[in-house]
């Protein structure tokens, strides 16, 4: 499978450059979706075809279509 980052994902992730280690861990988890697009802890998000995966302090929203995984957003979880 191939993992691509949408422009919105790049923009949303860039807000967290103050936490390089945490953001890198989230991006590593996103890249690992190429090997397993449905890892433990991944769930459908709302009523959409998107999926959600938590990686440390981050939430990754993504979609899977055929052999393509598209990262839609990467956001830091508050609280």
N, C-alpha and C. Protein backbone atom coordinates (compact mmCIF):
# COMPACT_ATOMS: atom_id res chain seq x y z
N UNK A 1 0.84 -1.19 0.00
CA UNK A 1 0.00 0.00 0.00
C UNK A 1 0.88 1.25 0.00
N UNK A 2 0.29 2.33 -0.43
CA UNK A 2 0.97 3.61 -0.47
C UNK A 2 0.28 4.58 0.48
N UNK A 3 1.06 5.33 1.24
CA UNK A 3 0.52 6.35 2.15
C UNK A 3 0.84 7.72 1.56
N UNK A 4 -0.20 8.55 1.44
CA UNK A 4 -0.01 9.93 1.00
C UNK A 4 -0.64 10.86 2.04
N UNK A 5 -0.09 12.05 2.14
CA UNK A 5 -0.58 13.06 3.09
C UNK A 5 -1.31 14.14 2.30
N UNK A 6 -2.56 14.41 2.67
CA UNK A 6 -3.29 15.49 2.02
C UNK A 6 -2.68 16.83 2.43
N UNK A 7 -2.97 17.87 1.66
CA UNK A 7 -2.49 19.21 2.00
C UNK A 7 -3.00 19.62 3.38
N UNK A 8 -4.22 19.24 3.70
CA UNK A 8 -4.79 19.57 5.02
C UNK A 8 -4.02 18.86 6.13
N UNK A 9 -3.58 17.62 5.89
CA UNK A 9 -2.81 16.89 6.90
C UNK A 9 -1.47 17.57 7.15
N UNK A 10 -0.82 18.00 6.09
CA UNK A 10 0.46 18.69 6.23
C UNK A 10 0.28 19.99 7.02
N UNK A 11 -0.77 20.73 6.68
CA UNK A 11 -1.04 21.99 7.38
C UNK A 11 -1.37 21.74 8.85
N UNK A 12 -2.23 20.76 9.13
CA UNK A 12 -2.62 20.50 10.52
C UNK A 12 -1.42 20.02 11.33
N UNK A 13 -0.59 19.16 10.75
CA UNK A 13 0.58 18.64 11.47
C UNK A 13 1.61 19.72 11.72
N UNK A 14 1.75 20.65 10.80
CA UNK A 14 2.79 21.68 10.93
C UNK A 14 2.57 22.58 12.14
N UNK A 15 1.36 22.61 12.68
CA UNK A 15 1.09 23.42 13.87
C UNK A 15 1.77 22.87 15.12
N UNK A 16 2.24 21.64 15.07
CA UNK A 16 2.78 20.99 16.26
C UNK A 16 4.29 20.79 16.19
N UNK A 17 4.96 21.63 15.44
CA UNK A 17 6.41 21.52 15.31
C UNK A 17 7.14 21.74 16.63
N UNK A 18 6.45 22.29 17.64
CA UNK A 18 7.05 22.47 18.95
C UNK A 18 7.24 21.13 19.67
N UNK A 19 6.59 20.08 19.18
CA UNK A 19 6.69 18.74 19.76
C UNK A 19 7.21 17.78 18.69
N UNK A 20 8.43 17.99 18.29
CA UNK A 20 8.99 17.21 17.17
C UNK A 20 8.98 15.71 17.43
N UNK A 21 9.32 15.29 18.64
CA UNK A 21 9.37 13.86 18.94
C UNK A 21 7.98 13.24 18.87
N UNK A 22 6.99 13.91 19.44
CA UNK A 22 5.62 13.40 19.41
C UNK A 22 5.06 13.38 18.00
N UNK A 23 5.33 14.45 17.25
CA UNK A 23 4.85 14.52 15.88
C UNK A 23 5.53 13.46 15.02
N UNK A 24 6.81 13.22 15.24
CA UNK A 24 7.52 12.18 14.49
C UNK A 24 6.92 10.81 14.78
N UNK A 25 6.57 10.55 16.04
CA UNK A 25 5.95 9.27 16.40
C UNK A 25 4.61 9.12 15.69
N UNK A 26 3.84 10.20 15.62
CA UNK A 26 2.55 10.16 14.92
C UNK A 26 2.75 9.90 13.43
N UNK A 27 3.74 10.54 12.84
CA UNK A 27 4.00 10.33 11.41
C UNK A 27 4.52 8.92 11.14
N UNK A 28 5.30 8.38 12.07
CA UNK A 28 5.76 7.00 11.93
C UNK A 28 4.56 6.05 11.97
N UNK A 29 3.60 6.32 12.87
CA UNK A 29 2.39 5.49 12.96
C UNK A 29 1.58 5.62 11.67
N UNK A 30 1.51 6.83 11.13
CA UNK A 30 0.78 7.03 9.86
C UNK A 30 1.47 6.28 8.73
N UNK A 31 2.78 6.35 8.66
CA UNK A 31 3.51 5.64 7.61
C UNK A 31 3.37 4.13 7.73
N UNK A 32 3.23 3.63 8.96
CA UNK A 32 3.07 2.19 9.19
C UNK A 32 1.73 1.67 8.67
N UNK A 33 0.80 2.58 8.38
CA UNK A 33 -0.48 2.15 7.82
C UNK A 33 -0.31 1.51 6.45
N UNK A 34 0.82 1.72 5.81
CA UNK A 34 1.11 1.07 4.52
C UNK A 34 1.18 -0.45 4.70
N UNK A 35 1.65 -0.90 5.85
CA UNK A 35 1.76 -2.33 6.13
C UNK A 35 0.49 -2.91 6.72
N UNK A 36 -0.24 -2.09 7.50
CA UNK A 36 -1.46 -2.56 8.16
C UNK A 36 -2.42 -1.38 8.27
N UNK A 37 -3.35 -1.23 7.31
CA UNK A 37 -4.25 -0.08 7.35
C UNK A 37 -5.35 -0.18 8.42
N UNK A 38 -5.41 -1.30 9.12
CA UNK A 38 -6.41 -1.48 10.18
C UNK A 38 -5.73 -2.01 11.44
N UNK A 39 -4.79 -1.23 12.01
CA UNK A 39 -4.06 -1.71 13.19
C UNK A 39 -4.95 -1.73 14.43
N UNK A 40 -4.54 -2.44 15.47
CA UNK A 40 -5.29 -2.41 16.73
C UNK A 40 -5.44 -0.95 17.20
N UNK A 41 -6.63 -0.61 17.63
CA UNK A 41 -6.89 0.75 18.11
C UNK A 41 -7.47 1.65 17.03
N UNK A 42 -7.46 1.21 15.79
CA UNK A 42 -8.04 2.00 14.71
C UNK A 42 -9.56 1.76 14.69
N UNK A 43 -10.31 2.84 14.58
CA UNK A 43 -11.77 2.73 14.56
C UNK A 43 -12.35 3.63 13.47
N UNK A 44 -13.55 3.29 13.04
CA UNK A 44 -14.25 4.16 12.09
C UNK A 44 -14.58 5.46 12.80
N UNK A 45 -14.52 6.55 12.07
CA UNK A 45 -14.74 7.87 12.66
C UNK A 45 -16.09 8.39 12.22
N UNK A 46 -17.01 8.49 13.17
CA UNK A 46 -18.34 9.02 12.88
C UNK A 46 -19.05 8.18 11.84
N UNK A 47 -19.84 8.83 11.02
CA UNK A 47 -20.59 8.12 9.98
C UNK A 47 -19.88 8.17 8.64
N UNK A 48 -18.58 8.42 8.64
CA UNK A 48 -17.83 8.54 7.40
C UNK A 48 -17.04 7.28 7.11
N UNK A 49 -16.36 7.26 5.99
CA UNK A 49 -15.46 6.16 5.65
C UNK A 49 -14.07 6.38 6.23
N UNK A 50 -13.89 7.51 6.90
CA UNK A 50 -12.60 7.79 7.52
C UNK A 50 -12.38 6.87 8.72
N UNK A 51 -11.12 6.70 9.06
CA UNK A 51 -10.74 5.94 10.25
C UNK A 51 -9.92 6.83 11.15
N UNK A 52 -9.90 6.50 12.43
CA UNK A 52 -9.13 7.27 13.41
C UNK A 52 -8.16 6.34 14.11
N UNK A 53 -6.95 6.85 14.29
CA UNK A 53 -5.92 6.10 15.00
C UNK A 53 -5.24 7.07 15.96
N UNK A 54 -5.11 6.67 17.20
CA UNK A 54 -4.38 7.50 18.16
C UNK A 54 -2.95 7.01 18.26
N UNK A 55 -2.05 7.98 18.27
CA UNK A 55 -0.62 7.68 18.39
C UNK A 55 -0.05 8.66 19.41
N UNK A 56 0.11 8.19 20.63
CA UNK A 56 0.57 9.09 21.69
C UNK A 56 -0.44 10.20 21.91
N UNK A 57 0.02 11.45 21.83
CA UNK A 57 -0.87 12.60 22.05
C UNK A 57 -1.58 13.04 20.77
N UNK A 58 -1.49 12.25 19.71
CA UNK A 58 -2.00 12.66 18.41
C UNK A 58 -3.10 11.74 17.90
N UNK A 59 -3.99 12.33 17.11
CA UNK A 59 -5.06 11.59 16.45
C UNK A 59 -4.81 11.72 14.95
N UNK A 60 -4.82 10.59 14.27
CA UNK A 60 -4.62 10.55 12.83
C UNK A 60 -5.95 10.16 12.19
N UNK A 61 -6.44 11.00 11.30
CA UNK A 61 -7.65 10.67 10.54
C UNK A 61 -7.21 10.31 9.14
N UNK A 62 -7.70 9.17 8.64
CA UNK A 62 -7.26 8.70 7.33
C UNK A 62 -8.35 7.91 6.64
N UNK A 63 -8.18 7.73 5.34
CA UNK A 63 -9.09 6.91 4.57
C UNK A 63 -8.28 5.87 3.80
N UNK A 64 -8.95 4.76 3.49
CA UNK A 64 -8.32 3.69 2.73
C UNK A 64 -9.18 3.43 1.51
N UNK A 65 -8.56 3.54 0.34
CA UNK A 65 -9.25 3.24 -0.91
C UNK A 65 -8.34 2.37 -1.75
N UNK A 66 -8.70 1.11 -1.88
CA UNK A 66 -7.85 0.18 -2.63
C UNK A 66 -6.49 0.05 -1.96
N UNK A 67 -5.44 0.35 -2.72
CA UNK A 67 -4.08 0.28 -2.19
C UNK A 67 -3.55 1.64 -1.77
N UNK A 68 -4.43 2.60 -1.53
CA UNK A 68 -4.03 3.95 -1.17
C UNK A 68 -4.57 4.34 0.20
N UNK A 69 -3.67 4.73 1.09
CA UNK A 69 -4.05 5.27 2.40
C UNK A 69 -3.79 6.77 2.34
N UNK A 70 -4.83 7.56 2.55
CA UNK A 70 -4.69 9.01 2.53
C UNK A 70 -4.83 9.55 3.94
N UNK A 71 -3.78 10.20 4.42
CA UNK A 71 -3.83 10.82 5.74
C UNK A 71 -4.55 12.15 5.56
N UNK A 72 -5.68 12.30 6.25
CA UNK A 72 -6.51 13.50 6.08
C UNK A 72 -6.14 14.60 7.06
N UNK A 73 -5.85 14.24 8.31
CA UNK A 73 -5.49 15.21 9.35
C UNK A 73 -4.62 14.54 10.41
N UNK A 74 -3.80 15.34 11.05
CA UNK A 74 -3.06 14.91 12.24
C UNK A 74 -3.26 16.03 13.26
N UNK A 75 -3.90 15.70 14.37
CA UNK A 75 -4.20 16.70 15.41
C UNK A 75 -3.73 16.21 16.76
N UNK A 76 -3.34 17.17 17.60
CA UNK A 76 -2.94 16.83 18.97
C UNK A 76 -4.19 16.75 19.83
N UNK A 77 -4.23 15.74 20.69
CA UNK A 77 -5.34 15.53 21.59
C UNK A 77 -5.11 16.37 22.84
N UNK A 78 -6.10 17.12 23.25
CA UNK A 78 -5.97 17.92 24.47
C UNK A 78 -6.52 17.14 25.65
N UNK A 79 -5.99 17.46 26.79
CA UNK A 79 -6.52 16.86 28.00
C UNK A 79 -5.82 15.67 28.51
